[in-house]
Amino acid sequence: MNEMKKNLLPLIVFITASLSLTAFEVTFTGGARMDIPEAWELDESDPSVPSWYSPDRRSAAELMLWAPGTWDTLDSFIESARPQGAEGDVFVFQCWGGEAALATWTFPGSGGSFRGWFLFVVRSGPDVRVSAIAAEEDFSERQPFLLSVLDSYIPGENWRLTPGAVSTFLEITGEPEKEAVGVPFEDTYLSWEQSSAGNQASQDVIEREALVLSAYASVPDLFYPAWERYYRLIYRDSYSRLEPLVEALQSGPLPLNTSDPRVVSEKLLSWLQGFSYGSTDRFSDLLSPSAACSSQSGDCDSLSLVLLILMDHYGVDGLLLLSQQAHHALTGLDVPGEGMRYTEGENSWIVAELTSNLSLGVLPERLTAVSDWFGITLLSKE
């Protein structure tokens, strides 16, 4: 353990300088970042190792970073950073262009027995160990939170719009077949391939994050920030899964150099409005964006996420607009022209309603008096 600390300290000097004690989206040196669940508190007792505790302090997360290449092999890293007395399984896989491992271990500690998930990554950004643990008797109940913490880790800017390590592992260990998709678009036909295992992994992430979100349902001050985190993680997991569709659009009916962003917005909005209304029969009630596109079905928030991802590929920023009062989601797009707009300060975004056949900037009458819309800014490609 002393050797671990010795190698850790030079990098931590730069990490603590960029660590915010109040933000839950935490960025570390070199671009690594995590998205910590709401109300988890930063433990300041050891500034060399960022760690967080759940409000009841029965769950904890910890991040340990080393300079890239500190460990010669992933196996030696795992054995050196393994908690004393830990027993369990280790799963090794490829992730973010490097090697990764997920370990589930039970181990003794001060005050009892603990169980948790551990993520190790080498050759992709800094060498990293992310751990998320709970008292052994709480493990099953807390597991969605623990996996969510691990899945929120990003090794650097190049990977900020790709699935997390847990989602990647789920896809790699799923059915490897590619699914051919073909759907009409205006007077032509779009064809692309997508991963069935990727669709399933994406849906599994959504279900897990819905369980995490449900823990905040009775705490209004925390529910809205937790709602934002929910969509941030889903958007990030979904973004690259829509790239085959984007390629089909840009090599076909909507080339990247299409000059008018409003025209692109209107065409994509009209296409998505033609989808049938659909959700899932699972806890989240939210169909993954990739599955929504292949099945040509979805509800307000899944289709809004699709539109935001597609428009970002055309260089148009947007917001996800949510209303708890209306139980509805819209998209706000940064394009010019007439129509109803959502405003924050000096900025405004034209609204797009996905589940009614209405023009860009037009809302159904039932939504015009809704007063609790709030916007979520999601990551952009640029």
Protein backbone atom coordinates (compact mmCIF):
# COMPACT_ATOMS: atom_id res chain seq x y z
CA MET A 1 0.00 0.00 0.00
CA ASN A 2 2.88 2.43 0.67
CA GLU A 3 4.15 1.88 -2.86
CA MET A 4 0.68 2.63 -4.21
CA LYS A 5 0.59 5.92 -2.32
CA LYS A 6 4.05 6.89 -3.54
CA ASN A 7 3.02 6.46 -7.16
CA LEU A 8 -0.33 8.11 -6.58
CA LEU A 9 0.74 11.38 -5.02
CA PRO A 10 2.38 13.18 -7.98
CA LEU A 11 -0.83 12.93 -9.98
CA ILE A 12 -3.13 13.80 -7.10
CA VAL A 13 -1.39 17.17 -6.65
CA PHE A 14 -3.03 18.27 -9.89
CA ILE A 15 -6.32 16.52 -9.25
CA THR A 16 -7.14 18.32 -6.02
CA ALA A 17 -6.64 21.68 -7.67
CA SER A 18 -9.51 21.00 -10.06
CA LEU A 19 -11.84 19.17 -7.67
CA SER A 20 -15.00 21.04 -6.78
CA LEU A 21 -16.47 20.27 -3.38
CA THR A 22 -20.00 21.15 -4.47
CA ALA A 23 -20.31 19.89 -8.04
CA PHE A 24 -21.36 16.34 -8.73
CA GLU A 25 -19.95 16.29 -12.27
CA VAL A 26 -16.32 16.20 -11.21
CA THR A 27 -13.46 16.69 -13.68
CA PHE A 28 -9.93 15.54 -12.84
CA THR A 29 -6.56 16.24 -14.38
CA GLY A 30 -6.21 14.96 -17.94
CA GLY A 31 -9.95 15.14 -18.58
CA ALA A 32 -11.09 12.15 -16.52
CA ARG A 33 -14.45 12.79 -14.92
CA MET A 34 -17.20 11.23 -12.82
CA ASP A 35 -20.87 12.01 -12.31
CA ILE A 36 -21.55 11.37 -8.62
CA PRO A 37 -25.14 10.67 -7.44
CA GLU A 38 -26.92 13.58 -5.83
CA ALA A 39 -26.48 14.10 -2.07
CA TRP A 40 -23.36 11.95 -1.90
CA GLU A 41 -20.83 13.91 0.15
CA LEU A 42 -17.16 14.43 -0.59
CA ASP A 43 -14.94 13.11 2.20
CA GLU A 44 -12.17 15.66 2.75
CA SER A 45 -10.23 13.60 5.30
CA ASP A 46 -7.65 12.44 2.72
CA PRO A 47 -7.15 14.97 -0.10
CA SER A 48 -4.94 12.50 -1.97
CA VAL A 49 -7.86 10.13 -2.65
CA PRO A 50 -11.23 11.62 -3.66
CA SER A 51 -14.04 9.66 -2.04
CA TRP A 52 -17.75 10.14 -1.48
CA TYR A 53 -20.32 8.76 0.93
CA SER A 54 -24.06 8.25 0.59
CA PRO A 55 -26.12 10.39 2.99
CA ASP A 56 -26.52 7.49 5.44
CA ARG A 57 -22.81 6.64 5.03
CA ARG A 58 -23.61 3.00 4.29
CA SER A 59 -22.30 3.28 0.73
CA ALA A 60 -19.08 4.83 -0.49
CA ALA A 61 -17.18 5.52 -3.69
CA GLU A 62 -13.49 6.15 -4.18
CA LEU A 63 -11.28 7.15 -7.10
CA MET A 64 -7.56 6.39 -7.27
CA LEU A 65 -5.55 7.63 -10.26
CA TRP A 66 -1.97 6.93 -11.29
CA ALA A 67 0.07 8.30 -14.16
CA PRO A 68 -0.50 6.36 -17.41
CA GLY A 69 1.73 3.29 -17.61
CA THR A 70 2.39 3.04 -13.88
CA TRP A 71 1.32 -0.60 -13.96
CA ASP A 72 3.04 -3.02 -16.36
CA THR A 73 0.02 -5.30 -16.61
CA LEU A 74 -3.62 -5.19 -15.64
CA ASP A 75 -3.17 -8.32 -13.52
CA SER A 76 -0.41 -6.76 -11.45
CA PHE A 77 -2.54 -3.64 -10.97
CA ILE A 78 -5.52 -5.67 -9.77
CA GLU A 79 -3.48 -7.69 -7.31
CA SER A 80 -1.72 -4.62 -5.91
CA ALA A 81 -4.93 -2.62 -5.47
CA ARG A 82 -7.10 -5.49 -4.24
CA PRO A 83 -8.50 -4.96 -0.71
CA GLN A 84 -6.92 -7.25 1.86
CA GLY A 85 -8.92 -10.44 2.27
CA ALA A 86 -11.11 -9.71 -0.78
CA GLU A 87 -12.88 -12.67 -2.37
CA GLY A 88 -14.96 -12.73 -5.52
CA ASP A 89 -14.84 -12.61 -9.30
CA VAL A 90 -12.89 -10.52 -11.81
CA PHE A 91 -14.00 -9.96 -15.42
CA VAL A 92 -11.44 -8.62 -17.92
CA PHE A 93 -12.48 -6.91 -21.17
CA GLN A 94 -11.45 -4.30 -23.73
CA CYS A 95 -12.67 -0.76 -23.10
CA TRP A 96 -11.86 2.74 -24.44
CA GLY A 97 -8.97 1.37 -26.48
CA GLY A 98 -7.32 -0.10 -23.39
CA GLU A 99 -7.82 -2.92 -20.93
CA ALA A 100 -10.37 -2.93 -18.14
CA ALA A 101 -11.61 -5.22 -15.42
CA LEU A 102 -14.73 -5.30 -13.29
CA ALA A 103 -14.38 -7.04 -9.95
CA THR A 104 -17.07 -7.87 -7.42
CA TRP A 105 -15.48 -8.55 -4.06
CA THR A 106 -16.52 -9.18 -0.49
CA PHE A 107 -13.93 -8.19 2.10
CA PRO A 108 -13.58 -7.49 5.83
CA GLY A 109 -13.26 -3.95 7.11
CA SER A 110 -13.61 -1.79 10.17
CA GLY A 111 -17.11 -2.32 11.50
CA GLY A 112 -18.06 -5.41 9.51
CA SER A 113 -18.06 -7.05 6.11
CA PHE A 114 -18.30 -5.05 2.89
CA ARG A 115 -19.16 -5.90 -0.69
CA GLY A 116 -18.70 -3.81 -3.78
CA TRP A 117 -17.80 -3.31 -7.40
CA PHE A 118 -14.35 -2.22 -8.56
CA LEU A 119 -13.30 -0.89 -11.97
CA PHE A 120 -9.68 -1.03 -13.15
CA VAL A 121 -8.52 0.59 -16.40
CA VAL A 122 -5.05 0.75 -17.97
CA ARG A 123 -3.78 2.12 -21.28
CA SER A 124 -6.66 4.55 -21.66
CA GLY A 125 -5.99 7.81 -19.85
CA PRO A 126 -4.59 7.50 -16.32
CA ASP A 127 -4.38 4.10 -14.69
CA VAL A 128 -7.47 4.08 -12.50
CA ARG A 129 -9.26 2.17 -9.79
CA VAL A 130 -12.85 3.21 -9.10
CA SER A 131 -14.56 1.47 -6.22
CA ALA A 132 -18.15 1.59 -5.01
CA ILE A 133 -18.96 -0.41 -1.89
CA ALA A 134 -21.65 -0.96 0.71
CA ALA A 135 -22.16 -2.93 3.88
CA GLU A 136 -22.58 -6.54 2.76
CA GLU A 137 -26.16 -6.73 3.99
CA ASP A 138 -27.03 -3.61 1.94
CA PHE A 139 -25.31 -4.69 -1.26
CA SER A 140 -28.32 -5.91 -3.25
CA GLU A 141 -30.36 -2.81 -2.44
CA ARG A 142 -27.47 -0.42 -3.18
CA GLN A 143 -26.15 -2.19 -6.28
CA PRO A 144 -27.84 0.17 -8.80
CA PHE A 145 -26.07 3.11 -7.14
CA LEU A 146 -22.74 1.29 -7.01
CA LEU A 147 -22.81 0.33 -10.68
CA SER A 148 -24.02 3.81 -11.61
CA VAL A 149 -20.95 5.32 -9.94
CA LEU A 150 -18.61 3.04 -11.89
CA ASP A 151 -20.45 3.63 -15.16
CA SER A 152 -20.15 7.40 -14.74
CA TYR A 153 -16.34 7.33 -14.99
CA ILE A 154 -14.86 8.73 -18.23
CA PRO A 155 -11.08 8.48 -18.85
CA GLY A 156 -10.81 11.62 -20.98
CA GLU A 157 -12.43 14.00 -23.44
CA ASN A 158 -12.15 11.56 -26.35
CA TRP A 159 -14.53 9.18 -24.58
CA ARG A 160 -17.05 11.55 -23.03
CA LEU A 161 -19.83 10.55 -25.46
CA THR A 162 -19.32 6.80 -25.33
CA PRO A 163 -20.86 4.17 -23.06
CA GLY A 164 -19.36 3.66 -19.63
CA ALA A 165 -17.36 0.61 -18.62
CA VAL A 166 -20.31 -1.29 -17.13
CA SER A 167 -22.44 -0.69 -20.22
CA THR A 168 -19.52 -1.70 -22.45
CA PHE A 169 -19.10 -4.93 -20.49
CA LEU A 170 -22.81 -5.70 -20.82
CA GLU A 171 -22.63 -5.23 -24.58
CA ILE A 172 -19.45 -7.27 -25.01
CA THR A 173 -20.91 -10.19 -23.07
CA GLY A 174 -24.26 -10.04 -24.90
CA GLU A 175 -25.33 -11.51 -28.22
CA PRO A 176 -22.74 -10.48 -30.84
CA GLU A 177 -25.08 -10.38 -33.84
CA LYS A 178 -25.57 -7.20 -35.82
CA GLU A 179 -29.14 -6.28 -36.66
CA ALA A 180 -29.97 -4.83 -40.08
CA VAL A 181 -32.36 -1.88 -39.79
CA GLY A 182 -34.31 -0.27 -42.59
CA VAL A 183 -36.80 2.58 -42.15
CA PRO A 184 -38.43 5.07 -44.53
CA PHE A 185 -37.31 8.69 -44.51
CA GLU A 186 -39.33 11.09 -46.69
CA ASP A 187 -39.18 9.57 -50.20
CA THR A 188 -36.15 7.38 -49.57
CA TYR A 189 -35.03 4.56 -47.27
CA LEU A 190 -32.43 4.59 -44.51
CA SER A 191 -30.42 1.43 -43.86
CA TRP A 192 -27.89 0.79 -41.11
CA GLU A 193 -26.65 -1.91 -38.78
CA GLN A 194 -26.80 -1.85 -35.02
CA SER A 195 -25.81 -4.12 -32.18
CA SER A 196 -28.62 -6.08 -30.55
CA ALA A 197 -26.43 -6.45 -27.48
CA GLY A 198 -25.83 -2.70 -27.52
CA ASN A 199 -29.56 -2.04 -27.53
CA GLN A 200 -30.02 -4.38 -24.59
CA ALA A 201 -27.11 -2.85 -22.68
CA SER A 202 -28.54 0.62 -23.25
CA GLN A 203 -31.94 -0.48 -21.94
CA ASP A 204 -30.29 -2.10 -18.92
CA VAL A 205 -28.53 1.20 -18.16
CA ILE A 206 -31.85 3.04 -18.36
CA GLU A 207 -33.53 0.59 -15.97
CA ARG A 208 -30.66 0.85 -13.51
CA GLU A 209 -30.68 4.64 -13.59
CA ALA A 210 -34.47 4.70 -13.16
CA LEU A 211 -34.02 2.76 -9.92
CA VAL A 212 -31.41 5.29 -8.79
CA LEU A 213 -33.73 8.18 -9.69
CA SER A 214 -36.64 6.64 -7.79
CA ALA A 215 -34.72 7.02 -4.53
CA TYR A 216 -35.12 10.82 -4.84
CA ALA A 217 -38.84 10.87 -5.65
CA SER A 218 -39.89 12.11 -2.20
CA VAL A 219 -37.14 14.74 -1.90
CA PRO A 220 -38.08 17.69 -4.17
CA ASP A 221 -34.84 19.60 -3.64
CA LEU A 222 -32.86 16.61 -4.88
CA PHE A 223 -35.26 15.15 -7.43
CA TYR A 224 -34.64 17.75 -10.14
CA PRO A 225 -30.82 17.49 -10.00
CA ALA A 226 -31.16 13.69 -9.91
CA TRP A 227 -33.49 13.87 -12.91
CA GLU A 228 -30.80 15.81 -14.78
CA ARG A 229 -28.18 13.20 -13.93
CA TYR A 230 -30.53 10.45 -15.12
CA TYR A 231 -30.77 11.97 -18.59
CA ARG A 232 -27.09 12.90 -18.72
CA LEU A 233 -26.07 9.28 -18.26
CA ILE A 234 -28.65 7.98 -20.75
CA TYR A 235 -27.63 10.57 -23.35
CA ARG A 236 -23.97 9.72 -22.95
CA ASP A 237 -24.65 5.98 -23.22
CA SER A 238 -26.85 6.46 -26.29
CA TYR A 239 -24.83 8.98 -28.28
CA SER A 240 -22.41 6.69 -30.13
CA ARG A 241 -25.09 4.03 -30.59
CA LEU A 242 -26.84 6.36 -33.05
CA GLU A 243 -23.72 6.96 -35.17
CA PRO A 244 -24.68 4.30 -37.79
CA LEU A 245 -27.99 6.14 -38.25
CA VAL A 246 -26.16 9.46 -38.50
CA GLU A 247 -23.90 8.03 -41.21
CA ALA A 248 -26.95 6.81 -43.13
CA LEU A 249 -28.53 10.26 -42.92
CA GLN A 250 -25.38 12.18 -43.85
CA SER A 251 -24.51 9.90 -46.78
CA GLY A 252 -28.09 10.06 -48.00
CA PRO A 253 -30.96 12.52 -47.60
CA LEU A 254 -29.31 14.97 -45.15
CA PRO A 255 -25.65 15.61 -46.05
CA LEU A 256 -23.55 17.22 -43.33
CA ASN A 257 -23.09 20.37 -45.42
CA THR A 258 -26.84 21.01 -45.53
CA SER A 259 -26.77 24.77 -45.21
CA ASP A 260 -29.88 25.60 -43.20
CA PRO A 261 -30.01 24.12 -39.68
CA ARG A 262 -33.70 24.96 -39.47
CA VAL A 263 -34.41 22.79 -42.51
CA VAL A 264 -32.49 19.90 -40.93
CA SER A 265 -34.43 20.40 -37.68
CA GLU A 266 -37.76 20.40 -39.46
CA LYS A 267 -36.98 17.31 -41.52
CA LEU A 268 -35.77 15.29 -38.53
CA LEU A 269 -38.66 16.49 -36.37
CA SER A 270 -41.21 15.49 -39.00
CA TRP A 271 -39.58 12.07 -39.37
CA LEU A 272 -39.60 11.36 -35.64
CA GLN A 273 -43.18 12.60 -35.29
CA GLY A 274 -44.14 9.83 -37.71
CA PHE A 275 -43.05 7.17 -35.23
CA SER A 276 -45.74 5.37 -33.26
CA TYR A 277 -46.08 6.08 -29.55
CA GLY A 278 -44.35 3.42 -27.51
CA SER A 279 -42.49 2.78 -24.29
CA THR A 280 -41.47 -0.30 -22.34
CA ASP A 281 -43.25 -2.46 -19.82
CA ARG A 282 -40.25 -2.21 -17.52
CA PHE A 283 -39.73 0.06 -14.53
CA SER A 284 -38.34 3.05 -16.44
CA ASP A 285 -41.13 3.24 -19.03
CA LEU A 286 -38.43 4.70 -21.33
CA LEU A 287 -37.36 3.02 -24.57
CA SER A 288 -33.68 3.45 -25.37
CA PRO A 289 -32.99 5.95 -28.18
CA SER A 290 -31.32 3.30 -30.37
CA ALA A 291 -34.27 0.92 -29.98
CA ALA A 292 -36.69 3.79 -30.63
CA CYS A 293 -35.06 4.43 -34.01
CA SER A 294 -34.99 0.79 -35.10
CA SER A 295 -38.58 0.14 -33.96
CA GLN A 296 -39.88 3.53 -35.17
CA SER A 297 -41.58 4.05 -31.83
CA GLY A 298 -40.99 5.97 -28.65
CA ASP A 299 -42.38 8.42 -26.16
CA CYS A 300 -41.65 12.08 -25.56
CA ASP A 301 -38.34 11.76 -23.75
CA SER A 302 -36.83 8.94 -25.82
CA LEU A 303 -37.63 10.77 -29.08
CA SER A 304 -36.42 14.09 -27.65
CA LEU A 305 -33.09 12.47 -26.82
CA VAL A 306 -32.88 11.08 -30.36
CA LEU A 307 -33.50 14.53 -31.86
CA LEU A 308 -30.89 16.16 -29.61
CA ILE A 309 -28.25 13.56 -30.50
CA LEU A 310 -28.95 13.80 -34.23
CA MET A 311 -28.97 17.61 -34.23
CA ASP A 312 -25.69 17.70 -32.32
CA HIS A 313 -24.12 15.77 -35.19
CA TYR A 314 -25.24 18.65 -37.42
CA GLY A 315 -23.65 21.21 -35.13
CA VAL A 316 -26.87 22.43 -33.50
CA ASP A 317 -26.95 22.78 -29.71
CA GLY A 318 -30.07 21.99 -27.77
CA LEU A 319 -31.71 21.41 -24.42
CA LEU A 320 -33.91 18.67 -23.09
CA LEU A 321 -36.96 20.44 -21.65
CA LEU A 322 -38.83 18.69 -18.85
CA SER A 323 -42.02 19.40 -16.93
CA GLN A 324 -43.08 17.44 -13.88
CA GLN A 325 -46.41 19.27 -13.97
CA ALA A 326 -47.17 18.03 -17.50
CA HIS A 327 -45.23 14.75 -17.23
CA HIS A 328 -43.75 15.62 -20.58
CA ALA A 329 -40.50 16.30 -22.41
CA LEU A 330 -39.70 18.61 -25.31
CA THR A 331 -36.59 19.56 -27.20
CA GLY A 332 -35.24 23.10 -27.38
CA LEU A 333 -33.01 23.80 -30.39
CA ASP A 334 -30.65 26.70 -31.03
CA VAL A 335 -31.92 27.52 -34.51
CA PRO A 336 -33.30 30.81 -35.86
CA GLY A 337 -36.82 31.52 -36.99
CA GLU A 338 -40.32 32.12 -35.75
CA GLY A 339 -42.03 30.02 -33.12
CA MET A 340 -42.41 29.50 -29.40
CA ARG A 341 -39.12 29.58 -27.56
CA TYR A 342 -37.78 28.54 -24.18
CA THR A 343 -35.72 31.33 -22.61
CA GLU A 344 -32.98 31.35 -19.99
CA GLY A 345 -31.38 34.73 -19.42
CA GLU A 346 -30.40 36.15 -22.80
CA ASN A 347 -30.52 32.79 -24.58
CA SER A 348 -33.48 31.11 -26.19
CA TRP A 349 -34.23 27.83 -27.94
CA ILE A 350 -37.10 27.07 -30.28
CA VAL A 351 -39.27 24.26 -28.95
CA ALA A 352 -39.98 20.97 -30.71
CA GLU A 353 -42.89 18.71 -29.74
CA LEU A 354 -42.16 15.09 -30.66
CA THR A 355 -45.44 13.27 -30.03
CA SER A 356 -47.80 15.49 -32.05
CA ASN A 357 -47.61 16.40 -35.73
CA LEU A 358 -46.89 20.07 -35.13
CA SER A 359 -44.40 22.37 -36.81
CA LEU A 360 -41.17 23.43 -35.17
CA GLY A 361 -41.99 26.12 -32.61
CA VAL A 362 -45.61 25.04 -32.10
CA LEU A 363 -46.96 23.32 -28.99
CA PRO A 364 -50.30 21.60 -28.40
CA GLU A 365 -52.74 23.78 -26.50
CA ARG A 366 -52.54 21.57 -23.40
CA LEU A 367 -48.87 22.54 -22.98
CA THR A 368 -49.02 26.28 -23.60
CA ALA A 369 -49.93 27.11 -19.98
CA VAL A 370 -47.38 24.79 -18.36
CA SER A 371 -45.14 26.89 -16.13
CA ASP A 372 -42.50 24.55 -14.70
CA TRP A 373 -40.37 23.77 -17.76
CA PHE A 374 -36.69 23.49 -17.02
CA GLY A 375 -33.83 22.81 -19.39
CA ILE A 376 -31.06 20.24 -19.16
CA THR A 377 -27.85 20.96 -21.03
CA LEU A 378 -26.30 17.77 -22.38
CA LEU A 379 -22.79 17.22 -23.71
CA SER A 380 -22.07 18.19 -27.30
CA LYS A 381 -19.66 16.61 -29.76
CA GLU A 382 -17.58 19.76 -30.17
